[in-house]
Amino acid sequence: TGLLGYGIYRSDNGGGAWGETNIGIFTASRVNAIAPAPSDDQTLYVSTSEPYPALLRTRNLGADWDLLVKDV
């Protein structure tokens, strides 16, 4: 899940506990949207608006993120 201004969090136990999964994401990013890849259940895309508008991708359910597009 993404929290407005607080990055991205992940739960491995159905929501019983949550932890930050922001490796590769700007600190305290404002997350606008999270979308799964239709052909791969491990890949997610995230758009952020602050501190920089960006599009990021994870291929391992949020363990780490790759910057795809950054608009400065």
PDB file of N, CA and C in Angstrom:
ATOM      1  N   THR A   1       0.839  -1.178   0.000  1.00  0.00           N
ATOM      2  CA  THR A   1       0.000   0.000   0.000  1.00  0.00           C
ATOM      3  C   THR A   1       0.882   1.239   0.000  1.00  0.00           C
ATOM      4  N   GLY A   2       0.399   2.309  -0.562  1.00  0.00           N
ATOM      5  CA  GLY A   2       1.121   3.567  -0.565  1.00  0.00           C
ATOM      6  C   GLY A   2       0.420   4.562   0.345  1.00  0.00           C
ATOM      7  N   LEU A   3       1.194   5.301   1.091  1.00  0.00           N
ATOM      8  CA  LEU A   3       0.632   6.308   1.985  1.00  0.00           C
ATOM      9  C   LEU A   3       1.051   7.685   1.507  1.00  0.00           C
ATOM     10  N   LEU A   4       0.116   8.600   1.464  1.00  0.00           N
ATOM     11  CA  LEU A   4       0.359   9.936   0.978  1.00  0.00           C
ATOM     12  C   LEU A   4       1.460  10.603   1.780  1.00  0.00           C
ATOM     13  N   GLY A   5       2.626  10.769   1.162  1.00  0.00           N
ATOM     14  CA  GLY A   5       3.750  11.426   1.802  1.00  0.00           C
ATOM     15  C   GLY A   5       4.603  10.542   2.687  1.00  0.00           C
ATOM     16  N   TYR A   6       4.317   9.250   2.750  1.00  0.00           N
ATOM     17  CA  TYR A   6       5.066   8.373   3.651  1.00  0.00           C
ATOM     18  C   TYR A   6       5.625   7.139   2.974  1.00  0.00           C
ATOM     19  N   GLY A   7       5.624   7.079   1.662  1.00  0.00           N
ATOM     20  CA  GLY A   7       6.245   5.961   0.968  1.00  0.00           C
ATOM     21  C   GLY A   7       5.334   4.757   0.822  1.00  0.00           C
ATOM     22  N   ILE A   8       5.954   3.588   0.707  1.00  0.00           N
ATOM     23  CA  ILE A   8       5.232   2.353   0.415  1.00  0.00           C
ATOM     24  C   ILE A   8       5.495   1.332   1.520  1.00  0.00           C
ATOM     25  N   TYR A   9       4.439   0.636   1.897  1.00  0.00           N
ATOM     26  CA  TYR A   9       4.512  -0.380   2.944  1.00  0.00           C
ATOM     27  C   TYR A   9       4.016  -1.708   2.403  1.00  0.00           C
ATOM     28  N   ARG A  10       4.533  -2.780   2.966  1.00  0.00           N
ATOM     29  CA  ARG A  10       4.225  -4.122   2.492  1.00  0.00           C
ATOM     30  C   ARG A  10       3.911  -5.029   3.677  1.00  0.00           C
ATOM     31  N   SER A  11       2.967  -5.936   3.464  1.00  0.00           N
ATOM     32  CA  SER A  11       2.633  -6.935   4.470  1.00  0.00           C
ATOM     33  C   SER A  11       2.806  -8.313   3.860  1.00  0.00           C
ATOM     34  N   ASP A  12       3.501  -9.183   4.564  1.00  0.00           N
ATOM     35  CA  ASP A  12       3.688 -10.563   4.103  1.00  0.00           C
ATOM     36  C   ASP A  12       2.764 -11.538   4.825  1.00  0.00           C
ATOM     37  N   ASN A  13       1.871 -11.011   5.684  1.00  0.00           N
ATOM     38  CA  ASN A  13       0.995 -11.905   6.459  1.00  0.00           C
ATOM     39  C   ASN A  13      -0.455 -11.438   6.420  1.00  0.00           C
ATOM     40  N   GLY A  14      -0.889 -10.964   5.269  1.00  0.00           N
ATOM     41  CA  GLY A  14      -2.284 -10.592   5.098  1.00  0.00           C
ATOM     42  C   GLY A  14      -2.705  -9.345   5.853  1.00  0.00           C
ATOM     43  N   GLY A  15      -1.768  -8.472   6.176  1.00  0.00           N
ATOM     44  CA  GLY A  15      -2.084  -7.223   6.850  1.00  0.00           C
ATOM     45  C   GLY A  15      -1.916  -7.249   8.353  1.00  0.00           C
ATOM     46  N   GLY A  16      -1.423  -8.351   8.913  1.00  0.00           N
ATOM     47  CA  GLY A  16      -1.192  -8.422  10.354  1.00  0.00           C
ATOM     48  C   GLY A  16      -0.091  -7.493  10.811  1.00  0.00           C
ATOM     49  N   ALA A  17       0.921  -7.315   9.991  1.00  0.00           N
ATOM     50  CA  ALA A  17       2.032  -6.406  10.287  1.00  0.00           C
ATOM     51  C   ALA A  17       2.502  -5.799   8.972  1.00  0.00           C
ATOM     52  N   TRP A  18       2.950  -4.550   9.043  1.00  0.00           N
ATOM     53  CA  TRP A  18       3.404  -3.827   7.869  1.00  0.00           C
ATOM     54  C   TRP A  18       4.805  -3.305   8.092  1.00  0.00           C
ATOM     55  N   GLY A  19       5.603  -3.239   7.018  1.00  0.00           N
ATOM     56  CA  GLY A  19       6.944  -2.677   7.087  1.00  0.00           C
ATOM     57  C   GLY A  19       7.224  -1.843   5.848  1.00  0.00           C
ATOM     58  N   GLU A  20       8.099  -0.864   5.995  1.00  0.00           N
ATOM     59  CA  GLU A  20       8.469  -0.030   4.858  1.00  0.00           C
ATOM     60  C   GLU A  20       9.166  -0.862   3.791  1.00  0.00           C
ATOM     61  N   THR A  21       8.890  -0.554   2.557  1.00  0.00           N
ATOM     62  CA  THR A  21       9.553  -1.201   1.434  1.00  0.00           C
ATOM     63  C   THR A  21       9.932  -0.118   0.429  1.00  0.00           C
ATOM     64  N   ASN A  22      10.799   0.781   0.873  1.00  0.00           N
ATOM     65  CA  ASN A  22      11.126   1.979   0.119  1.00  0.00           C
ATOM     66  C   ASN A  22      12.524   1.981  -0.483  1.00  0.00           C
ATOM     67  N   ILE A  23      13.186   0.842  -0.577  1.00  0.00           N
ATOM     68  CA  ILE A  23      14.534   0.810  -1.146  1.00  0.00           C
ATOM     69  C   ILE A  23      14.458   1.229  -2.609  1.00  0.00           C
ATOM     70  N   GLY A  24      15.123   2.331  -2.950  1.00  0.00           N
ATOM     71  CA  GLY A  24      15.109   2.848  -4.306  1.00  0.00           C
ATOM     72  C   GLY A  24      14.074   3.927  -4.534  1.00  0.00           C
ATOM     73  N   ILE A  25      13.253   4.217  -3.529  1.00  0.00           N
ATOM     74  CA  ILE A  25      12.231   5.258  -3.637  1.00  0.00           C
ATOM     75  C   ILE A  25      12.690   6.452  -2.825  1.00  0.00           C
ATOM     76  N   PHE A  26      12.395   7.639  -3.322  1.00  0.00           N
ATOM     77  CA  PHE A  26      12.754   8.858  -2.615  1.00  0.00           C
ATOM     78  C   PHE A  26      12.100   8.867  -1.240  1.00  0.00           C
ATOM     79  N   THR A  27      12.819   9.308  -0.247  1.00  0.00           N
ATOM     80  CA  THR A  27      12.309   9.353   1.111  1.00  0.00           C
ATOM     81  C   THR A  27      11.012  10.150   1.162  1.00  0.00           C
ATOM     82  N   ALA A  28      10.052   9.612   1.853  1.00  0.00           N
ATOM     83  CA  ALA A  28       8.743  10.254   2.055  1.00  0.00           C
ATOM     84  C   ALA A  28       8.081  10.655   0.743  1.00  0.00           C
ATOM     85  N   SER A  29       8.144   9.788  -0.242  1.00  0.00           N
ATOM     86  CA  SER A  29       7.491  10.060  -1.514  1.00  0.00           C
ATOM     87  C   SER A  29       5.979  10.124  -1.344  1.00  0.00           C
ATOM     88  N   ARG A  30       5.368  10.996  -2.098  1.00  0.00           N
ATOM     89  CA  ARG A  30       3.913  11.073  -2.131  1.00  0.00           C
ATOM     90  C   ARG A  30       3.444  10.113  -3.216  1.00  0.00           C
ATOM     91  N   VAL A  31       2.891   8.992  -2.818  1.00  0.00           N
ATOM     92  CA  VAL A  31       2.464   7.946  -3.740  1.00  0.00           C
ATOM     93  C   VAL A  31       1.080   8.289  -4.284  1.00  0.00           C
ATOM     94  N   ASN A  32       0.960   8.330  -5.610  1.00  0.00           N
ATOM     95  CA  ASN A  32      -0.323   8.622  -6.246  1.00  0.00           C
ATOM     96  C   ASN A  32      -1.088   7.359  -6.586  1.00  0.00           C
ATOM     97  N   ALA A  33      -0.376   6.352  -7.081  1.00  0.00           N
ATOM     98  CA  ALA A  33      -1.048   5.138  -7.535  1.00  0.00           C
ATOM     99  C   ALA A  33      -0.079   3.966  -7.517  1.00  0.00           C
ATOM    100  N   ILE A  34      -0.635   2.777  -7.288  1.00  0.00           N
ATOM    101  CA  ILE A  34       0.099   1.520  -7.392  1.00  0.00           C
ATOM    102  C   ILE A  34      -0.689   0.631  -8.341  1.00  0.00           C
ATOM    103  N   ALA A  35       0.008   0.018  -9.311  1.00  0.00           N
ATOM    104  CA  ALA A  35      -0.668  -0.836 -10.281  1.00  0.00           C
ATOM    105  C   ALA A  35       0.125  -2.114 -10.491  1.00  0.00           C
ATOM    106  N   PRO A  36      -0.545  -3.274 -10.475  1.00  0.00           N
ATOM    107  CA  PRO A  36       0.140  -4.529 -10.763  1.00  0.00           C
ATOM    108  C   PRO A  36       0.335  -4.701 -12.268  1.00  0.00           C
ATOM    109  N   ALA A  37       1.400  -5.391 -12.634  1.00  0.00           N
ATOM    110  CA  ALA A  37       1.607  -5.747 -14.045  1.00  0.00           C
ATOM    111  C   ALA A  37       0.641  -6.890 -14.370  1.00  0.00           C
ATOM    112  N   PRO A  38      -0.095  -6.799 -15.470  1.00  0.00           N
ATOM    113  CA  PRO A  38      -1.088  -7.837 -15.772  1.00  0.00           C
ATOM    114  C   PRO A  38      -0.492  -9.202 -16.081  1.00  0.00           C
ATOM    115  N   SER A  39       0.772  -9.242 -16.500  1.00  0.00           N
ATOM    116  CA  SER A  39       1.357 -10.518 -16.922  1.00  0.00           C
ATOM    117  C   SER A  39       2.334 -11.117 -15.909  1.00  0.00           C
ATOM    118  N   ASP A  40       2.549 -10.437 -14.761  1.00  0.00           N
ATOM    119  CA  ASP A  40       3.550 -10.904 -13.802  1.00  0.00           C
ATOM    120  C   ASP A  40       3.114 -10.535 -12.391  1.00  0.00           C
ATOM    121  N   ASP A  41       2.826 -11.509 -11.561  1.00  0.00           N
ATOM    122  CA  ASP A  41       2.305 -11.222 -10.219  1.00  0.00           C
ATOM    123  C   ASP A  41       3.370 -10.739  -9.237  1.00  0.00           C
ATOM    124  N   GLN A  42       4.620 -10.624  -9.655  1.00  0.00           N
ATOM    125  CA  GLN A  42       5.696 -10.093  -8.817  1.00  0.00           C
ATOM    126  C   GLN A  42       6.005  -8.626  -9.116  1.00  0.00           C
ATOM    127  N   THR A  43       5.470  -8.108 -10.227  1.00  0.00           N
ATOM    128  CA  THR A  43       5.811  -6.761 -10.684  1.00  0.00           C
ATOM    129  C   THR A  43       4.701  -5.770 -10.375  1.00  0.00           C
ATOM    130  N   LEU A  44       5.106  -4.637  -9.792  1.00  0.00           N
ATOM    131  CA  LEU A  44       4.195  -3.535  -9.486  1.00  0.00           C
ATOM    132  C   LEU A  44       4.807  -2.240 -10.019  1.00  0.00           C
ATOM    133  N   TYR A  45       3.943  -1.294 -10.367  1.00  0.00           N
ATOM    134  CA  TYR A  45       4.358   0.034 -10.781  1.00  0.00           C
ATOM    135  C   TYR A  45       3.785   1.057  -9.807  1.00  0.00           C
ATOM    136  N   VAL A  46       4.553   2.114  -9.539  1.00  0.00           N
ATOM    137  CA  VAL A  46       4.131   3.169  -8.619  1.00  0.00           C
ATOM    138  C   VAL A  46       4.409   4.513  -9.263  1.00  0.00           C
ATOM    139  N   SER A  47       3.451   5.416  -9.137  1.00  0.00           N
ATOM    140  CA  SER A  47       3.707   6.803  -9.530  1.00  0.00           C
ATOM    141  C   SER A  47       3.771   7.655  -8.271  1.00  0.00           C
ATOM    142  N   THR A  48       4.693   8.611  -8.273  1.00  0.00           N
ATOM    143  CA  THR A  48       4.856   9.527  -7.147  1.00  0.00           C
ATOM    144  C   THR A  48       4.786  10.958  -7.668  1.00  0.00           C
ATOM    145  N   SER A  49       4.468  11.883  -6.765  1.00  0.00           N
ATOM    146  CA  SER A  49       4.415  13.281  -7.185  1.00  0.00           C
ATOM    147  C   SER A  49       5.396  14.166  -6.434  1.00  0.00           C
ATOM    148  N   GLU A  50       5.785  13.787  -5.239  1.00  0.00           N
ATOM    149  CA  GLU A  50       6.726  14.584  -4.455  1.00  0.00           C
ATOM    150  C   GLU A  50       7.687  13.660  -3.744  1.00  0.00           C
ATOM    151  N   PRO A  51       8.905  13.973  -3.539  1.00  0.00           N
ATOM    152  CA  PRO A  51       9.526  15.245  -3.879  1.00  0.00           C
ATOM    153  C   PRO A  51       9.761  15.418  -5.376  1.00  0.00           C
ATOM    154  N   TYR A  52       9.676  14.346  -6.163  1.00  0.00           N
ATOM    155  CA  TYR A  52       9.822  14.425  -7.610  1.00  0.00           C
ATOM    156  C   TYR A  52       8.744  13.564  -8.247  1.00  0.00           C
ATOM    157  N   PRO A  53       8.105  14.057  -9.325  1.00  0.00           N
ATOM    158  CA  PRO A  53       7.229  13.177 -10.081  1.00  0.00           C
ATOM    159  C   PRO A  53       8.061  12.042 -10.669  1.00  0.00           C
ATOM    160  N   ALA A  54       7.604  10.816 -10.489  1.00  0.00           N
ATOM    161  CA  ALA A  54       8.392   9.678 -10.963  1.00  0.00           C
ATOM    162  C   ALA A  54       7.500   8.466 -11.190  1.00  0.00           C
ATOM    163  N   LEU A  55       8.010   7.553 -11.988  1.00  0.00           N
ATOM    164  CA  LEU A  55       7.408   6.235 -12.178  1.00  0.00           C
ATOM    165  C   LEU A  55       8.462   5.216 -11.771  1.00  0.00           C
ATOM    166  N   LEU A  56       8.086   4.305 -10.878  1.00  0.00           N
ATOM    167  CA  LEU A  56       9.013   3.283 -10.386  1.00  0.00           C
ATOM    168  C   LEU A  56       8.414   1.901 -10.602  1.00  0.00           C
ATOM    169  N   ARG A  57       9.303   0.896 -10.616  1.00  0.00           N
ATOM    170  CA  ARG A  57       8.870  -0.494 -10.812  1.00  0.00           C
ATOM    171  C   ARG A  57       9.597  -1.395  -9.832  1.00  0.00           C
ATOM    172  N   THR A  58       8.885  -2.372  -9.327  1.00  0.00           N
ATOM    173  CA  THR A  58       9.503  -3.453  -8.564  1.00  0.00           C
ATOM    174  C   THR A  58       9.196  -4.763  -9.273  1.00  0.00           C
ATOM    175  N   ARG A  59      10.142  -5.646  -9.295  1.00  0.00           N
ATOM    176  CA  ARG A  59       9.944  -6.983  -9.887  1.00  0.00           C
ATOM    177  C   ARG A  59       9.921  -8.063  -8.821  1.00  0.00           C
ATOM    178  N   ASN A  60       9.920  -7.634  -7.539  1.00  0.00           N
ATOM    179  CA  ASN A  60       9.946  -8.604  -6.437  1.00  0.00           C
ATOM    180  C   ASN A  60       9.009  -8.170  -5.308  1.00  0.00           C
ATOM    181  N   LEU A  61       7.802  -7.738  -5.708  1.00  0.00           N
ATOM    182  CA  LEU A  61       6.747  -7.332  -4.769  1.00  0.00           C
ATOM    183  C   LEU A  61       7.189  -6.283  -3.758  1.00  0.00           C
ATOM    184  N   GLY A  62       8.037  -5.371  -4.177  1.00  0.00           N
ATOM    185  CA  GLY A  62       8.390  -4.246  -3.330  1.00  0.00           C
ATOM    186  C   GLY A  62       9.641  -4.399  -2.502  1.00  0.00           C
ATOM    187  N   ALA A  63      10.387  -5.467  -2.670  1.00  0.00           N
ATOM    188  CA  ALA A  63      11.641  -5.606  -1.911  1.00  0.00           C
ATOM    189  C   ALA A  63      12.613  -4.486  -2.279  1.00  0.00           C
ATOM    190  N   ASP A  64      12.649  -4.106  -3.549  1.00  0.00           N
ATOM    191  CA  ASP A  64      13.390  -2.932  -3.992  1.00  0.00           C
ATOM    192  C   ASP A  64      12.742  -2.397  -5.259  1.00  0.00           C
ATOM    193  N   TRP A  65      13.057  -1.148  -5.580  1.00  0.00           N
ATOM    194  CA  TRP A  65      12.398  -0.437  -6.669  1.00  0.00           C
ATOM    195  C   TRP A  65      13.424   0.124  -7.646  1.00  0.00           C
ATOM    196  N   ASP A  66      13.040   0.171  -8.925  1.00  0.00           N
ATOM    197  CA  ASP A  66      13.855   0.773  -9.979  1.00  0.00           C
ATOM    198  C   ASP A  66      13.157   2.031 -10.477  1.00  0.00           C
ATOM    199  N   LEU A  67      13.929   3.097 -10.631  1.00  0.00           N
ATOM    200  CA  LEU A  67      13.403   4.337 -11.184  1.00  0.00           C
ATOM    201  C   LEU A  67      13.298   4.193 -12.699  1.00  0.00           C
ATOM    202  N   LEU A  68      12.114   4.362 -13.255  1.00  0.00           N
ATOM    203  CA  LEU A  68      11.911   4.281 -14.701  1.00  0.00           C
ATOM    204  C   LEU A  68      11.877   5.668 -15.341  1.00  0.00           C
ATOM    205  N   VAL A  69      11.180   6.601 -14.707  1.00  0.00           N
ATOM    206  CA  VAL A  69      11.064   7.956 -15.237  1.00  0.00           C
ATOM    207  C   VAL A  69      11.102   8.926 -14.058  1.00  0.00           C
ATOM    208  N   LYS A  70      11.900   9.991 -14.186  1.00  0.00           N
ATOM    209  CA  LYS A  70      11.952  11.040 -13.161  1.00  0.00           C
ATOM    210  C   LYS A  70      11.827  12.371 -13.851  1.00  0.00           C
ATOM    211  N   ASP A  71      10.861  13.165 -13.430  1.00  0.00           N
ATOM    212  CA  ASP A  71      10.646  14.492 -13.982  1.00  0.00           C
ATOM    213  C   ASP A  71      11.099  15.517 -12.947  1.00  0.00           C
ATOM    214  N   VAL A  72      12.201  16.203 -13.228  1.00  0.00           N
ATOM    215  CA  VAL A  72      12.732  17.171 -12.249  1.00  0.00           C
ATOM    216  C   VAL A  72      12.410  18.587 -12.635  1.00  0.00           C
TER     217      VAL A  72
END
